[in-house]
C-alpha atoms as a PDB file:
ATOM      1  CA  MET A   1       0.000   0.000   0.000  1.00  0.00           C
ATOM      2  CA  VAL A   2       1.528   3.330  -1.091  1.00  0.00           C
ATOM      3  CA  GLU A   3       0.087   5.269   1.882  1.00  0.00           C
ATOM      4  CA  ASP A   4       2.015   3.069   4.338  1.00  0.00           C
ATOM      5  CA  ALA A   5       5.152   5.049   5.319  1.00  0.00           C
ATOM      6  CA  ALA A   6       7.033   1.915   6.440  1.00  0.00           C
ATOM      7  CA  CYS A   7       6.389   0.291   3.066  1.00  0.00           C
ATOM      8  CA  VAL A   8       7.518   3.372   1.133  1.00  0.00           C
ATOM      9  CA  GLN A   9      10.747   3.588   3.193  1.00  0.00           C
ATOM     10  CA  ALA A  10      11.566  -0.137   2.909  1.00  0.00           C
ATOM     11  CA  PRO A  11      14.447  -1.034   0.566  1.00  0.00           C
ATOM     12  CA  ASN A  12      13.576  -2.286  -2.915  1.00  0.00           C
ATOM     13  CA  SER A  13      16.523  -4.666  -2.647  1.00  0.00           C
ATOM     14  CA  ILE A  14      19.159  -5.774  -0.164  1.00  0.00           C
ATOM     15  CA  THR A  15      22.369  -7.438  -1.375  1.00  0.00           C
ATOM     16  CA  PHE A  16      25.103  -9.043   0.707  1.00  0.00           C
ATOM     17  CA  HIS A  17      28.833  -9.076  -0.006  1.00  0.00           C
ATOM     18  CA  PHE A  18      31.750 -10.511   1.957  1.00  0.00           C
ATOM     19  CA  LEU A  19      35.340  -9.240   1.796  1.00  0.00           C
ATOM     20  CA  ALA A  20      38.525 -10.487   3.461  1.00  0.00           C
ATOM     21  CA  MET A  21      41.562  -8.313   4.113  1.00  0.00           C
ATOM     22  CA  VAL A  22      44.800  -8.299   6.069  1.00  0.00           C
ATOM     23  CA  SER A  23      45.293  -6.514   9.386  1.00  0.00           C
ATOM     24  CA  ASN A  24      46.467  -2.877   9.378  1.00  0.00           C
ATOM     25  CA  MET A  25      45.809  -2.316   5.661  1.00  0.00           C
ATOM     26  CA  SER A  26      46.660   1.254   4.711  1.00  0.00           C
ATOM     27  CA  ALA A  27      43.862   3.802   4.404  1.00  0.00           C
ATOM     28  CA  PRO A  28      42.214   5.513   2.615  1.00  0.00           C
ATOM     29  CA  ARG A  29      41.403   2.636   0.291  1.00  0.00           C
ATOM     30  CA  ASP A  30      38.524   1.819  -2.063  1.00  0.00           C
ATOM     31  CA  LEU A  31      36.766  -1.333  -0.862  1.00  0.00           C
ATOM     32  CA  PHE A  32      33.565  -1.723  -2.862  1.00  0.00           C
ATOM     33  CA  ARG A  33      31.623   0.013  -5.646  1.00  0.00           C
ATOM     34  CA  VAL A  34      27.858   0.339  -5.852  1.00  0.00           C
ATOM     35  CA  SER A  35      26.233   1.446  -9.074  1.00  0.00           C
ATOM     36  CA  ALA A  36      22.845   1.725 -10.703  1.00  0.00           C
ATOM     37  CA  ALA A  37      22.228  -0.268 -13.859  1.00  0.00           C
ATOM     38  CA  ARG A  38      19.786   2.374 -15.021  1.00  0.00           C
ATOM     39  CA  VAL A  39      18.465   5.564 -13.455  1.00  0.00           C
ATOM     40  CA  LEU A  40      14.754   6.310 -13.485  1.00  0.00           C
ATOM     41  CA  GLY A  41      14.804   9.457 -11.350  1.00  0.00           C
ATOM     42  CA  ASP A  42      16.702  12.709 -11.605  1.00  0.00           C
ATOM     43  CA  THR A  43      18.940  12.161  -8.546  1.00  0.00           C
ATOM     44  CA  LEU A  44      20.933   9.336  -6.966  1.00  0.00           C
ATOM     45  CA  ARG A  45      22.229   9.666  -3.406  1.00  0.00           C
ATOM     46  CA  PHE A  46      24.807   7.405  -1.779  1.00  0.00           C
ATOM     47  CA  GLY A  47      25.492   7.130   1.939  1.00  0.00           C
ATOM     48  CA  LEU A  48      26.128   4.892   4.939  1.00  0.00           C
ATOM     49  CA  ALA A  49      22.893   3.503   6.360  1.00  0.00           C
ATOM     50  CA  GLY A  50      24.399   1.605   9.282  1.00  0.00           C
ATOM     51  CA  GLY A  51      26.589  -1.300  10.261  1.00  0.00           C
ATOM     52  CA  HIS A  52      29.184  -2.126  12.896  1.00  0.00           C
ATOM     53  CA  GLY A  53      32.194  -0.131  11.824  1.00  0.00           C
ATOM     54  CA  ARG A  54      31.385   3.542  12.180  1.00  0.00           C
ATOM     55  CA  GLY A  55      34.486   5.675  11.912  1.00  0.00           C
ATOM     56  CA  HIS A  56      36.240   3.147   9.669  1.00  0.00           C
ATOM     57  CA  PHE A  57      34.114   3.677   6.542  1.00  0.00           C
ATOM     58  CA  SER A  58      32.891   6.462   4.315  1.00  0.00           C
ATOM     59  CA  VAL A  59      30.919   6.545   1.080  1.00  0.00           C
ATOM     60  CA  GLN A  60      31.945   8.811  -1.765  1.00  0.00           C
ATOM     61  CA  ARG A  61      30.215   9.482  -5.048  1.00  0.00           C
ATOM     62  CA  THR A  62      32.629   8.461  -7.803  1.00  0.00           C
ATOM     63  CA  GLY A  63      30.510   8.796 -10.930  1.00  0.00           C
ATOM     64  CA  ARG A  64      27.086   9.766 -12.221  1.00  0.00           C
ATOM     65  CA  GLN A  65      25.688   6.362 -11.236  1.00  0.00           C
ATOM     66  CA  THR A  66      28.413   5.075  -8.884  1.00  0.00           C
ATOM     67  CA  GLY A  67      29.333   5.350  -5.213  1.00  0.00           C
ATOM     68  CA  THR A  68      32.360   3.790  -3.498  1.00  0.00           C
ATOM     69  CA  LEU A  69      32.710   2.407   0.017  1.00  0.00           C
ATOM     70  CA  LEU A  70      36.044   3.629   1.399  1.00  0.00           C
ATOM     71  CA  LEU A  71      38.144   2.361   4.270  1.00  0.00           C
ATOM     72  CA  VAL A  72      39.194   5.611   5.978  1.00  0.00           C
ATOM     73  CA  ARG A  73      40.931   4.165   9.043  1.00  0.00           C
ATOM     74  CA  SER A  74      43.019   1.004   9.162  1.00  0.00           C
ATOM     75  CA  ILE A  75      41.738  -1.936  11.196  1.00  0.00           C
ATOM     76  CA  LYS A  76      43.817  -4.144  13.471  1.00  0.00           C
ATOM     77  CA  GLY A  77      42.621  -7.724  13.181  1.00  0.00           C
ATOM     78  CA  PRO A  78      41.232 -10.082  13.925  1.00  0.00           C
ATOM     79  CA  ALA A  79      37.954  -8.230  13.470  1.00  0.00           C
ATOM     80  CA  THR A  80      34.645  -8.380  11.680  1.00  0.00           C
ATOM     81  CA  LEU A  81      33.007  -5.131  10.633  1.00  0.00           C
ATOM     82  CA  GLU A  82      29.892  -4.361   8.631  1.00  0.00           C
ATOM     83  CA  ALA A  83      28.851  -1.418   6.511  1.00  0.00           C
ATOM     84  CA  GLU A  84      25.474  -0.756   4.933  1.00  0.00           C
ATOM     85  CA  VAL A  85      25.709   1.344   1.794  1.00  0.00           C
ATOM     86  CA  GLU A  86      22.455   2.917   0.709  1.00  0.00           C
ATOM     87  CA  MET A  87      21.648   4.182  -2.762  1.00  0.00           C
ATOM     88  CA  SER A  88      18.473   6.269  -2.945  1.00  0.00           C
ATOM     89  CA  GLU A  89      16.799   7.212  -6.202  1.00  0.00           C
ATOM     90  CA  LEU A  90      14.712  10.378  -6.247  1.00  0.00           C
ATOM     91  CA  GLN A  91      12.523  12.255  -8.712  1.00  0.00           C
ATOM     92  CA  GLN A  92      12.041  15.938  -7.832  1.00  0.00           C
ATOM     93  CA  GLY A  93      12.828  15.153  -4.196  1.00  0.00           C
ATOM     94  CA  ASN A  94      10.382  12.240  -3.946  1.00  0.00           C
ATOM     95  CA  LEU A  95      11.809   8.826  -3.090  1.00  0.00           C
ATOM     96  CA  LEU A  96      11.456   6.318  -5.935  1.00  0.00           C
ATOM     97  CA  GLY A  97      13.514   3.540  -4.385  1.00  0.00           C
ATOM     98  CA  ARG A  98      16.148   2.542  -1.842  1.00  0.00           C
ATOM     99  CA  TYR A  99      18.792  -0.100  -2.480  1.00  0.00           C
ATOM    100  CA  VAL A 100      20.916  -1.390   0.397  1.00  0.00           C
ATOM    101  CA  THR A 101      24.227  -3.218   0.026  1.00  0.00           C
ATOM    102  CA  LYS A 102      25.471  -4.906   3.203  1.00  0.00           C
ATOM    103  CA  VAL A 103      29.230  -5.453   3.173  1.00  0.00           C
ATOM    104  CA  SER A 104      30.816  -7.724   5.796  1.00  0.00           C
ATOM    105  CA  LEU A 105      34.556  -7.240   6.160  1.00  0.00           C
ATOM    106  CA  PHE A 106      36.641  -9.984   7.754  1.00  0.00           C
ATOM    107  CA  VAL A 107      40.044  -8.718   8.905  1.00  0.00           C
ATOM    108  CA  SER A 108      42.830 -11.260   9.437  1.00  0.00           C
ATOM    109  CA  ALA A 109      44.948 -11.284  12.556  1.00  0.00           C
ATOM    110  CA  TYR A 110      47.992 -11.017  10.282  1.00  0.00           C
ATOM    111  CA  ASP A 111      49.306  -8.171   8.151  1.00  0.00           C
ATOM    112  CA  PHE A 112      50.565 -10.426   5.349  1.00  0.00           C
END
């Protein structure tokens, strides 16, 4: 039902990705790219929606239809962190769709 605010705000899709990396990897570093196959609205917004790793990640727009998840602070392993990257599609300020990419990052205890 379109009048239901919870339904309108719910993601159109949620995808899951898993990455492994060594301990103390240098930062800043590109980790993952999110892009739209096609754009229906006039605006795409990229941002962090949540996860367990605040302060370690940032999202940067890197193209007309692309955003990149960045590691902005190195992580000493072993550790498991999560980031939720959100891509929102808008038409004249009205939300057309939300797409969430959940990235789990497994950091080794070793730096080699």
